[in-house]
Structures are given as C-alpha cells and as structure tokens.
Amino acid sequence: ARQQSHAKMAGGPRTPTDVLPNKFIEANGHAREVLEKTFRFTPRNLGIFAVFGIAVPVLIYKGCVHEFQVTDRKYGRPEKKFM
C-alpha cells in the first residue's frame, strides 16, 4: 500500500488541480538563476545604471527637498538644511 501511494505521487494520473509547467516561466526562472554567468557589461548597461541608479534618486530627493522648502516658506518657518 505504501508503494502505491508513492507511485501515484511520482507519476500517477493527472488531476484538475495539478500544476502544469509553463515553458516561458521556467525559461525566465533559469535566466534569473544564471544571470551572473551570462551578464555582459556594455555602455548601454552603464547608461541604464546612471539613469536609474543615480539620476532618478537624485531628482526624487531634490523634488522632496524643494517641496519641504516651499511648505516652510508658505507657513513662515525657517527653511531646514538638507545635506
């Protein structure tokens, strides 16, 4: 009886609730696992890093600081110094 239940789990008949593998999801998962082996450094990668790793955070920071300063001026408070 014990071997029968193991055989069903290992390759028994399919039921409607079984999960079927999706080849696109499996390929994406494999690509993510071996990224450090397949990554190539190119000028395009450097540009993407410069934009999203440096420029966007700096612009968000400056926008927040500007909003704080505008609010301080509006309510007559002394402006705070950020960095």
Protein backbone atom coordinates (compact mmCIF):
# COMPACT_ATOMS: atom_id res chain seq x y z
CA ALA A 1 0.00 0.00 0.00
CA ARG A 2 2.87 2.31 0.77
CA GLN A 3 4.49 1.84 -2.64
CA GLN A 4 1.21 2.53 -4.44
CA SER A 5 0.79 5.97 -2.85
CA HIS A 6 4.39 6.81 -3.72
CA ALA A 7 3.85 5.71 -7.31
CA LYS A 8 0.80 7.95 -7.61
CA MET A 9 2.73 10.95 -6.32
CA ALA A 10 5.67 10.30 -8.59
CA GLY A 11 3.80 9.91 -11.86
CA GLY A 12 0.20 8.92 -11.32
CA PRO A 13 -2.78 10.12 -13.31
CA ARG A 14 -3.24 13.88 -13.58
CA THR A 15 -5.99 15.63 -11.67
CA PRO A 16 -7.53 19.03 -12.49
CA THR A 17 -5.63 20.65 -9.61
CA ASP A 18 -2.16 19.60 -10.81
CA VAL A 19 0.20 22.41 -11.72
CA LEU A 20 1.42 22.25 -15.29
CA PRO A 21 4.85 23.76 -16.03
CA ASN A 22 4.86 26.85 -18.25
CA LYS A 23 7.92 26.85 -20.52
CA PHE A 24 8.17 30.67 -20.56
CA ILE A 25 8.13 30.93 -16.76
CA GLU A 26 10.65 28.11 -16.48
CA ALA A 27 12.95 29.82 -19.00
CA ASN A 28 12.68 33.13 -17.13
CA GLY A 29 13.47 31.42 -13.82
CA HIS A 30 16.52 29.74 -15.35
CA ALA A 31 17.75 33.04 -16.81
CA ARG A 32 17.45 34.70 -13.39
CA GLU A 33 19.42 31.89 -11.74
CA VAL A 34 22.38 32.15 -14.13
CA LEU A 35 22.39 35.94 -14.54
CA GLU A 36 25.83 36.41 -13.03
CA LYS A 37 27.25 33.96 -15.58
CA THR A 38 25.54 35.48 -18.63
CA PHE A 39 25.76 39.23 -17.85
CA ARG A 40 27.94 41.29 -20.19
CA PHE A 41 28.98 44.82 -19.27
CA THR A 42 28.21 47.21 -22.13
CA PRO A 43 27.96 51.01 -22.47
CA ARG A 44 24.18 50.62 -22.59
CA ASN A 45 24.24 48.94 -19.15
CA LEU A 46 26.33 51.82 -17.80
CA GLY A 47 23.79 54.33 -19.13
CA ILE A 48 20.87 52.45 -17.59
CA PHE A 49 22.70 52.33 -14.26
CA ALA A 50 23.48 56.04 -14.46
CA VAL A 51 19.85 56.94 -15.12
CA PHE A 52 18.06 54.63 -12.69
CA GLY A 53 20.79 54.24 -10.09
CA ILE A 54 21.92 57.85 -9.80
CA ALA A 55 19.81 60.40 -11.72
CA VAL A 56 16.33 59.23 -10.68
CA PRO A 57 17.13 59.06 -6.93
CA VAL A 58 18.80 62.50 -7.07
CA LEU A 59 15.79 64.01 -8.84
CA ILE A 60 13.38 62.47 -6.32
CA TYR A 61 15.50 63.80 -3.44
CA LYS A 62 15.67 67.31 -4.92
CA GLY A 63 11.91 67.29 -5.54
CA CYS A 64 11.20 66.33 -1.92
CA VAL A 65 13.58 68.97 -0.54
CA HIS A 66 12.01 71.61 -2.79
CA GLU A 67 8.53 70.66 -1.57
CA PHE A 68 9.66 70.93 2.07
CA GLN A 69 11.17 74.36 1.41
CA VAL A 70 8.05 75.63 -0.36
CA THR A 71 5.91 74.46 2.56
CA ASP A 72 8.27 76.09 5.09
CA ARG A 73 8.09 79.41 3.19
CA LYS A 74 4.30 79.18 2.96
CA TYR A 75 3.90 78.79 6.73
CA GLY A 76 6.68 81.25 7.66
CA ARG A 77 9.03 78.68 9.14
CA PRO A 78 12.80 78.84 8.70
CA GLU A 79 13.98 76.55 5.93
CA LYS A 80 15.69 73.36 7.02
CA LYS A 81 19.08 72.49 5.61
CA PHE A 82 19.22 69.08 3.97
CA MET A 83 22.77 67.88 3.40
